[in-house]
Amino acid sequence: ELIAWCRERLAGFKCPKSVDVHDRLPREAHGKLKKRLLRDAYWPDPAAQ
């Protein structure tokens, strides 16, 4: 449903191919989001980016 909404309103190259829903996002002790852990799930090798 979310991807269909995006297709109606956004240019094709801006639409996500998939959407992952997480119950919880990884955070550091002081509350900052651990972006690297999320990124590594999709691009495990830094050279692949």
PDB file of N, CA and C in Angstrom:
ATOM      1  N   GLU A   1       0.817  -1.184   0.000  1.00  0.00           N
ATOM      2  CA  GLU A   1       0.000   0.000   0.000  1.00  0.00           C
ATOM      3  C   GLU A   1       0.871   1.262   0.000  1.00  0.00           C
ATOM      4  N   LEU A   2       1.929   1.264   0.789  1.00  0.00           N
ATOM      5  CA  LEU A   2       2.828   2.421   0.843  1.00  0.00           C
ATOM      6  C   LEU A   2       3.544   2.629  -0.491  1.00  0.00           C
ATOM      7  N   ILE A   3       3.994   1.549  -1.103  1.00  0.00           N
ATOM      8  CA  ILE A   3       4.686   1.658  -2.391  1.00  0.00           C
ATOM      9  C   ILE A   3       3.721   2.147  -3.463  1.00  0.00           C
ATOM     10  N   ALA A   4       2.486   1.688  -3.434  1.00  0.00           N
ATOM     11  CA  ALA A   4       1.486   2.162  -4.398  1.00  0.00           C
ATOM     12  C   ALA A   4       1.239   3.653  -4.217  1.00  0.00           C
ATOM     13  N   TRP A   5       1.183   4.110  -2.975  1.00  0.00           N
ATOM     14  CA  TRP A   5       1.004   5.534  -2.698  1.00  0.00           C
ATOM     15  C   TRP A   5       2.167   6.333  -3.283  1.00  0.00           C
ATOM     16  N   CYS A   6       3.386   5.832  -3.093  1.00  0.00           N
ATOM     17  CA  CYS A   6       4.573   6.510  -3.628  1.00  0.00           C
ATOM     18  C   CYS A   6       4.535   6.564  -5.153  1.00  0.00           C
ATOM     19  N   ARG A   7       4.130   5.478  -5.779  1.00  0.00           N
ATOM     20  CA  ARG A   7       4.078   5.443  -7.250  1.00  0.00           C
ATOM     21  C   ARG A   7       3.117   6.476  -7.813  1.00  0.00           C
ATOM     22  N   GLU A   8       2.039   6.742  -7.091  1.00  0.00           N
ATOM     23  CA  GLU A   8       1.064   7.734  -7.547  1.00  0.00           C
ATOM     24  C   GLU A   8       1.591   9.158  -7.428  1.00  0.00           C
ATOM     25  N   ARG A   9       2.484   9.396  -6.481  1.00  0.00           N
ATOM     26  CA  ARG A   9       2.869  10.761  -6.158  1.00  0.00           C
ATOM     27  C   ARG A   9       4.319  11.129  -6.461  1.00  0.00           C
ATOM     28  N   LEU A  10       5.168  10.136  -6.694  1.00  0.00           N
ATOM     29  CA  LEU A  10       6.594  10.399  -6.888  1.00  0.00           C
ATOM     30  C   LEU A  10       7.058   9.928  -8.259  1.00  0.00           C
ATOM     31  N   ALA A  11       8.180  10.481  -8.682  1.00  0.00           N
ATOM     32  CA  ALA A  11       8.812  10.005  -9.913  1.00  0.00           C
ATOM     33  C   ALA A  11       9.274   8.564  -9.687  1.00  0.00           C
ATOM     34  N   GLY A  12       9.338   7.785 -10.750  1.00  0.00           N
ATOM     35  CA  GLY A  12       9.685   6.375 -10.650  1.00  0.00           C
ATOM     36  C   GLY A  12      10.993   6.097  -9.937  1.00  0.00           C
ATOM     37  N   PHE A  13      12.007   6.935 -10.183  1.00  0.00           N
ATOM     38  CA  PHE A  13      13.312   6.687  -9.558  1.00  0.00           C
ATOM     39  C   PHE A  13      13.306   7.017  -8.067  1.00  0.00           C
ATOM     40  N   LYS A  14      12.303   7.694  -7.574  1.00  0.00           N
ATOM     41  CA  LYS A  14      12.221   8.035  -6.154  1.00  0.00           C
ATOM     42  C   LYS A  14      11.417   7.016  -5.348  1.00  0.00           C
ATOM     43  N   CYS A  15      10.727   6.113  -6.018  1.00  0.00           N
ATOM     44  CA  CYS A  15       9.884   5.128  -5.333  1.00  0.00           C
ATOM     45  C   CYS A  15      10.732   3.985  -4.784  1.00  0.00           C
ATOM     46  N   PRO A  16      10.461   3.589  -3.554  1.00  0.00           N
ATOM     47  CA  PRO A  16      11.204   2.455  -3.002  1.00  0.00           C
ATOM     48  C   PRO A  16      10.785   1.151  -3.672  1.00  0.00           C
ATOM     49  N   LYS A  17      11.733   0.234  -3.789  1.00  0.00           N
ATOM     50  CA  LYS A  17      11.433  -1.084  -4.345  1.00  0.00           C
ATOM     51  C   LYS A  17      10.844  -1.994  -3.275  1.00  0.00           C
ATOM     52  N   SER A  18      11.213  -1.736  -2.027  1.00  0.00           N
ATOM     53  CA  SER A  18      10.673  -2.514  -0.917  1.00  0.00           C
ATOM     54  C   SER A  18      10.662  -1.645   0.338  1.00  0.00           C
ATOM     55  N   VAL A  19       9.882  -2.072   1.308  1.00  0.00           N
ATOM     56  CA  VAL A  19       9.789  -1.364   2.583  1.00  0.00           C
ATOM     57  C   VAL A  19       9.933  -2.400   3.684  1.00  0.00           C
ATOM     58  N   ASP A  20      10.855  -2.169   4.591  1.00  0.00           N
ATOM     59  CA  ASP A  20      11.043  -3.056   5.737  1.00  0.00           C
ATOM     60  C   ASP A  20      10.530  -2.350   6.983  1.00  0.00           C
ATOM     61  N   VAL A  21       9.750  -3.059   7.771  1.00  0.00           N
ATOM     62  CA  VAL A  21       9.210  -2.501   9.006  1.00  0.00           C
ATOM     63  C   VAL A  21       9.907  -3.192  10.171  1.00  0.00           C
ATOM     64  N   HIS A  22      10.437  -2.396  11.073  1.00  0.00           N
ATOM     65  CA  HIS A  22      11.135  -2.917  12.250  1.00  0.00           C
ATOM     66  C   HIS A  22      10.359  -2.513  13.503  1.00  0.00           C
ATOM     67  N   ASP A  23      10.281  -3.422  14.453  1.00  0.00           N
ATOM     68  CA  ASP A  23       9.636  -3.091  15.727  1.00  0.00           C
ATOM     69  C   ASP A  23      10.458  -2.065  16.492  1.00  0.00           C
ATOM     70  N   ARG A  24      11.771  -2.221  16.406  1.00  0.00           N
ATOM     71  CA  ARG A  24      12.685  -1.352  17.125  1.00  0.00           C
ATOM     72  C   ARG A  24      13.879  -1.039  16.259  1.00  0.00           C
ATOM     73  N   LEU A  25      14.386   0.168  16.361  1.00  0.00           N
ATOM     74  CA  LEU A  25      15.600   0.544  15.647  1.00  0.00           C
ATOM     75  C   LEU A  25      16.768   0.501  16.624  1.00  0.00           C
ATOM     76  N   PRO A  26      17.940   0.069  16.154  1.00  0.00           N
ATOM     77  CA  PRO A  26      19.091  -0.003  17.056  1.00  0.00           C
ATOM     78  C   PRO A  26      19.558   1.394  17.457  1.00  0.00           C
ATOM     79  N   ARG A  27      19.725   1.583  18.750  1.00  0.00           N
ATOM     80  CA  ARG A  27      20.148   2.889  19.263  1.00  0.00           C
ATOM     81  C   ARG A  27      21.336   2.725  20.192  1.00  0.00           C
ATOM     82  N   GLU A  28      22.122   3.791  20.282  1.00  0.00           N
ATOM     83  CA  GLU A  28      23.247   3.822  21.208  1.00  0.00           C
ATOM     84  C   GLU A  28      22.722   4.131  22.606  1.00  0.00           C
ATOM     85  N   ALA A  29      23.600   4.076  23.588  1.00  0.00           N
ATOM     86  CA  ALA A  29      23.204   4.290  24.979  1.00  0.00           C
ATOM     87  C   ALA A  29      22.557   5.659  25.194  1.00  0.00           C
ATOM     88  N   HIS A  30      23.005   6.659  24.457  1.00  0.00           N
ATOM     89  CA  HIS A  30      22.450   8.004  24.630  1.00  0.00           C
ATOM     90  C   HIS A  30      21.336   8.323  23.629  1.00  0.00           C
ATOM     91  N   GLY A  31      20.831   7.303  22.918  1.00  0.00           N
ATOM     92  CA  GLY A  31      19.644   7.464  22.101  1.00  0.00           C
ATOM     93  C   GLY A  31      19.851   7.705  20.623  1.00  0.00           C
ATOM     94  N   LYS A  32      21.091   7.898  20.190  1.00  0.00           N
ATOM     95  CA  LYS A  32      21.323   8.127  18.760  1.00  0.00           C
ATOM     96  C   LYS A  32      21.106   6.838  17.976  1.00  0.00           C
ATOM     97  N   LEU A  33      20.590   6.983  16.785  1.00  0.00           N
ATOM     98  CA  LEU A  33      20.329   5.842  15.915  1.00  0.00           C
ATOM     99  C   LEU A  33      21.641   5.261  15.393  1.00  0.00           C
ATOM    100  N   LYS A  34      21.772   3.935  15.432  1.00  0.00           N
ATOM    101  CA  LYS A  34      22.962   3.265  14.899  1.00  0.00           C
ATOM    102  C   LYS A  34      22.744   2.996  13.416  1.00  0.00           C
ATOM    103  N   LYS A  35      22.988   4.012  12.594  1.00  0.00           N
ATOM    104  CA  LYS A  35      22.737   3.921  11.158  1.00  0.00           C
ATOM    105  C   LYS A  35      23.592   2.851  10.500  1.00  0.00           C
ATOM    106  N   ARG A  36      24.793   2.667  10.982  1.00  0.00           N
ATOM    107  CA  ARG A  36      25.694   1.682  10.380  1.00  0.00           C
ATOM    108  C   ARG A  36      25.108   0.273  10.445  1.00  0.00           C
ATOM    109  N   LEU A  37      24.479  -0.073  11.556  1.00  0.00           N
ATOM    110  CA  LEU A  37      23.880  -1.410  11.673  1.00  0.00           C
ATOM    111  C   LEU A  37      22.746  -1.594  10.673  1.00  0.00           C
ATOM    112  N   LEU A  38      21.954  -0.560  10.454  1.00  0.00           N
ATOM    113  CA  LEU A  38      20.877  -0.646   9.466  1.00  0.00           C
ATOM    114  C   LEU A  38      21.443  -0.746   8.061  1.00  0.00           C
ATOM    115  N   ARG A  39      22.464   0.046   7.781  1.00  0.00           N
ATOM    116  CA  ARG A  39      23.090   0.047   6.456  1.00  0.00           C
ATOM    117  C   ARG A  39      23.738  -1.296   6.152  1.00  0.00           C
ATOM    118  N   ASP A  40      24.402  -1.885   7.129  1.00  0.00           N
ATOM    119  CA  ASP A  40      25.121  -3.149   6.913  1.00  0.00           C
ATOM    120  C   ASP A  40      24.181  -4.283   6.503  1.00  0.00           C
ATOM    121  N   ALA A  41      22.922  -4.200   6.890  1.00  0.00           N
ATOM    122  CA  ALA A  41      21.960  -5.235   6.495  1.00  0.00           C
ATOM    123  C   ALA A  41      21.725  -5.223   4.985  1.00  0.00           C
ATOM    124  N   TYR A  42      21.930  -4.077   4.349  1.00  0.00           N
ATOM    125  CA  TYR A  42      21.687  -3.948   2.910  1.00  0.00           C
ATOM    126  C   TYR A  42      22.973  -3.877   2.096  1.00  0.00           C
ATOM    127  N   TRP A  43      24.023  -3.316   2.670  1.00  0.00           N
ATOM    128  CA  TRP A  43      25.315  -3.200   1.992  1.00  0.00           C
ATOM    129  C   TRP A  43      26.402  -3.712   2.933  1.00  0.00           C
ATOM    130  N   PRO A  44      26.532  -5.030   3.072  1.00  0.00           N
ATOM    131  CA  PRO A  44      27.508  -5.565   4.026  1.00  0.00           C
ATOM    132  C   PRO A  44      28.953  -5.226   3.687  1.00  0.00           C
ATOM    133  N   ASP A  45      29.270  -5.051   2.407  1.00  0.00           N
ATOM    134  CA  ASP A  45      30.637  -4.736   1.998  1.00  0.00           C
ATOM    135  C   ASP A  45      30.706  -3.257   1.627  1.00  0.00           C
ATOM    136  N   PRO A  46      31.545  -2.458   2.313  1.00  0.00           N
ATOM    137  CA  PRO A  46      31.631  -1.030   1.989  1.00  0.00           C
ATOM    138  C   PRO A  46      31.998  -0.771   0.526  1.00  0.00           C
ATOM    139  N   ALA A  47      32.729  -1.659  -0.099  1.00  0.00           N
ATOM    140  CA  ALA A  47      33.110  -1.474  -1.503  1.00  0.00           C
ATOM    141  C   ALA A  47      31.907  -1.669  -2.431  1.00  0.00           C
ATOM    142  N   ALA A  48      30.866  -2.349  -1.959  1.00  0.00           N
ATOM    143  CA  ALA A  48      29.690  -2.611  -2.790  1.00  0.00           C
ATOM    144  C   ALA A  48      28.778  -1.398  -2.915  1.00  0.00           C
ATOM    145  N   GLN A  49      28.988  -0.397  -2.078  1.00  0.00           N
ATOM    146  CA  GLN A  49      28.150   0.797  -2.141  1.00  0.00           C
ATOM    147  C   GLN A  49      28.538   1.567  -3.344  1.00  0.00           C
TER     148      GLN A  49
END
